[in-house]
Amino acid sequence: MQDDNLRQSGRRKLLRVTMPDGRVICHKNSVRTFVEALAAIGTETSASQRW
């Protein structure tokens, strides 16, 4: 009965960021991709955007 309740995780997905100049940022770890994309954009620019 317990085997019926086991869950399988979904397939991993990559986070891909394409910059306006055509540069693509994509790593296996989505956090690393996000941090590098923020560094490329710049903290002042990303802070001024209203999400």
N, C-alpha and C. Protein backbone atom coordinates (compact mmCIF):
# COMPACT_ATOMS: atom_id res chain seq x y z
N MET A 1 0.81 -1.19 0.00
CA MET A 1 0.00 0.00 0.00
C MET A 1 0.86 1.26 0.00
N GLN A 2 1.99 1.23 0.69
CA GLN A 2 2.86 2.41 0.74
C GLN A 2 3.49 2.71 -0.61
N ASP A 3 3.74 1.68 -1.41
CA ASP A 3 4.35 1.89 -2.72
C ASP A 3 3.46 2.73 -3.63
N ASP A 4 2.15 2.68 -3.42
CA ASP A 4 1.22 3.46 -4.24
C ASP A 4 1.34 4.95 -3.97
N ASN A 5 1.83 5.32 -2.79
CA ASN A 5 1.91 6.72 -2.40
C ASN A 5 3.24 7.37 -2.73
N LEU A 6 4.18 6.62 -3.33
CA LEU A 6 5.47 7.19 -3.67
C LEU A 6 5.30 8.18 -4.81
N ARG A 7 6.01 9.28 -4.72
CA ARG A 7 5.94 10.30 -5.76
C ARG A 7 7.26 10.37 -6.50
N GLN A 8 7.19 10.65 -7.75
CA GLN A 8 8.39 10.81 -8.55
C GLN A 8 8.54 12.28 -8.89
N SER A 9 9.76 12.75 -8.83
CA SER A 9 10.00 14.15 -9.18
C SER A 9 9.95 14.30 -10.70
N GLY A 10 9.58 15.49 -11.12
CA GLY A 10 9.49 15.77 -12.55
C GLY A 10 10.88 15.92 -13.17
N ARG A 11 10.88 15.99 -14.45
CA ARG A 11 12.13 16.16 -15.18
C ARG A 11 12.70 17.55 -14.90
N ARG A 12 13.99 17.63 -14.70
CA ARG A 12 14.64 18.92 -14.42
C ARG A 12 14.58 19.82 -15.64
N LYS A 13 14.41 21.10 -15.38
CA LYS A 13 14.35 22.08 -16.46
C LYS A 13 15.48 23.08 -16.27
N LEU A 14 15.97 23.61 -17.37
CA LEU A 14 17.02 24.60 -17.33
C LEU A 14 16.43 25.99 -17.39
N LEU A 15 17.06 26.91 -16.69
CA LEU A 15 16.69 28.31 -16.78
C LEU A 15 17.64 28.95 -17.78
N ARG A 16 17.09 29.52 -18.83
CA ARG A 16 17.91 30.13 -19.87
C ARG A 16 17.53 31.61 -19.98
N VAL A 17 18.55 32.47 -19.92
CA VAL A 17 18.34 33.91 -20.03
C VAL A 17 19.04 34.38 -21.29
N THR A 18 18.29 35.06 -22.16
CA THR A 18 18.87 35.63 -23.37
C THR A 18 18.89 37.14 -23.23
N MET A 19 20.08 37.70 -23.27
CA MET A 19 20.25 39.14 -23.11
C MET A 19 19.93 39.84 -24.43
N PRO A 20 19.61 41.14 -24.39
CA PRO A 20 19.29 41.87 -25.62
C PRO A 20 20.42 41.86 -26.66
N ASP A 21 21.67 41.73 -26.19
CA ASP A 21 22.79 41.70 -27.13
C ASP A 21 23.02 40.31 -27.73
N GLY A 22 22.18 39.33 -27.38
CA GLY A 22 22.28 37.99 -27.92
C GLY A 22 23.02 37.01 -27.03
N ARG A 23 23.62 37.48 -25.96
CA ARG A 23 24.35 36.61 -25.04
C ARG A 23 23.36 35.71 -24.30
N VAL A 24 23.67 34.43 -24.20
CA VAL A 24 22.80 33.46 -23.53
C VAL A 24 23.48 32.99 -22.26
N ILE A 25 22.75 33.03 -21.16
CA ILE A 25 23.25 32.54 -19.87
C ILE A 25 22.41 31.33 -19.50
N CYS A 26 23.06 30.18 -19.35
CA CYS A 26 22.35 28.95 -19.03
C CYS A 26 23.30 28.00 -18.31
N HIS A 27 22.96 27.65 -17.07
CA HIS A 27 23.74 26.70 -16.29
C HIS A 27 22.83 25.56 -15.84
N LYS A 28 23.40 24.48 -15.39
CA LYS A 28 22.60 23.37 -14.88
C LYS A 28 21.87 23.76 -13.59
N ASN A 29 22.45 24.68 -12.85
CA ASN A 29 21.84 25.14 -11.60
C ASN A 29 21.12 26.45 -11.87
N SER A 30 19.81 26.50 -11.63
CA SER A 30 19.03 27.69 -11.95
C SER A 30 19.42 28.88 -11.07
N VAL A 31 19.85 28.63 -9.84
CA VAL A 31 20.27 29.73 -8.96
C VAL A 31 21.51 30.40 -9.53
N ARG A 32 22.44 29.61 -10.01
CA ARG A 32 23.67 30.17 -10.61
C ARG A 32 23.35 31.00 -11.86
N THR A 33 22.42 30.51 -12.67
CA THR A 33 21.99 31.25 -13.85
C THR A 33 21.36 32.58 -13.46
N PHE A 34 20.49 32.54 -12.45
CA PHE A 34 19.81 33.75 -11.98
C PHE A 34 20.81 34.78 -11.45
N VAL A 35 21.77 34.33 -10.65
CA VAL A 35 22.77 35.24 -10.08
C VAL A 35 23.63 35.85 -11.18
N GLU A 36 24.05 35.05 -12.14
CA GLU A 36 24.88 35.57 -13.22
C GLU A 36 24.09 36.55 -14.09
N ALA A 37 22.81 36.27 -14.31
CA ALA A 37 21.97 37.18 -15.09
C ALA A 37 21.81 38.51 -14.36
N LEU A 38 21.60 38.48 -13.05
CA LEU A 38 21.51 39.72 -12.28
C LEU A 38 22.81 40.49 -12.32
N ALA A 39 23.93 39.80 -12.26
CA ALA A 39 25.23 40.47 -12.33
C ALA A 39 25.42 41.12 -13.70
N ALA A 40 24.94 40.45 -14.75
CA ALA A 40 25.07 41.01 -16.10
C ALA A 40 24.18 42.23 -16.28
N ILE A 41 23.00 42.18 -15.70
CA ILE A 41 22.07 43.32 -15.80
C ILE A 41 22.57 44.47 -14.94
N GLY A 42 23.06 44.14 -13.77
CA GLY A 42 23.52 45.14 -12.82
C GLY A 42 22.51 45.31 -11.71
N THR A 43 22.99 45.45 -10.50
CA THR A 43 22.08 45.54 -9.36
C THR A 43 21.28 46.83 -9.37
N GLU A 44 21.87 47.93 -9.82
CA GLU A 44 21.15 49.20 -9.86
C GLU A 44 20.02 49.16 -10.88
N THR A 45 20.27 48.55 -12.01
CA THR A 45 19.24 48.45 -13.05
C THR A 45 18.10 47.56 -12.59
N SER A 46 18.43 46.41 -12.01
CA SER A 46 17.38 45.46 -11.59
C SER A 46 16.60 46.01 -10.39
N ALA A 47 17.25 46.81 -9.54
CA ALA A 47 16.55 47.40 -8.40
C ALA A 47 15.59 48.49 -8.83
N SER A 48 15.89 49.17 -9.92
CA SER A 48 15.02 50.25 -10.37
C SER A 48 13.78 49.73 -11.11
N GLN A 49 13.81 48.48 -11.56
CA GLN A 49 12.67 47.90 -12.25
C GLN A 49 11.60 47.53 -11.24
N ARG A 50 10.36 47.79 -11.56
CA ARG A 50 9.26 47.42 -10.68
C ARG A 50 8.70 46.11 -11.17
N TRP A 51 8.90 45.05 -10.44
CA TRP A 51 8.46 43.71 -10.81
C TRP A 51 7.08 43.59 -10.39
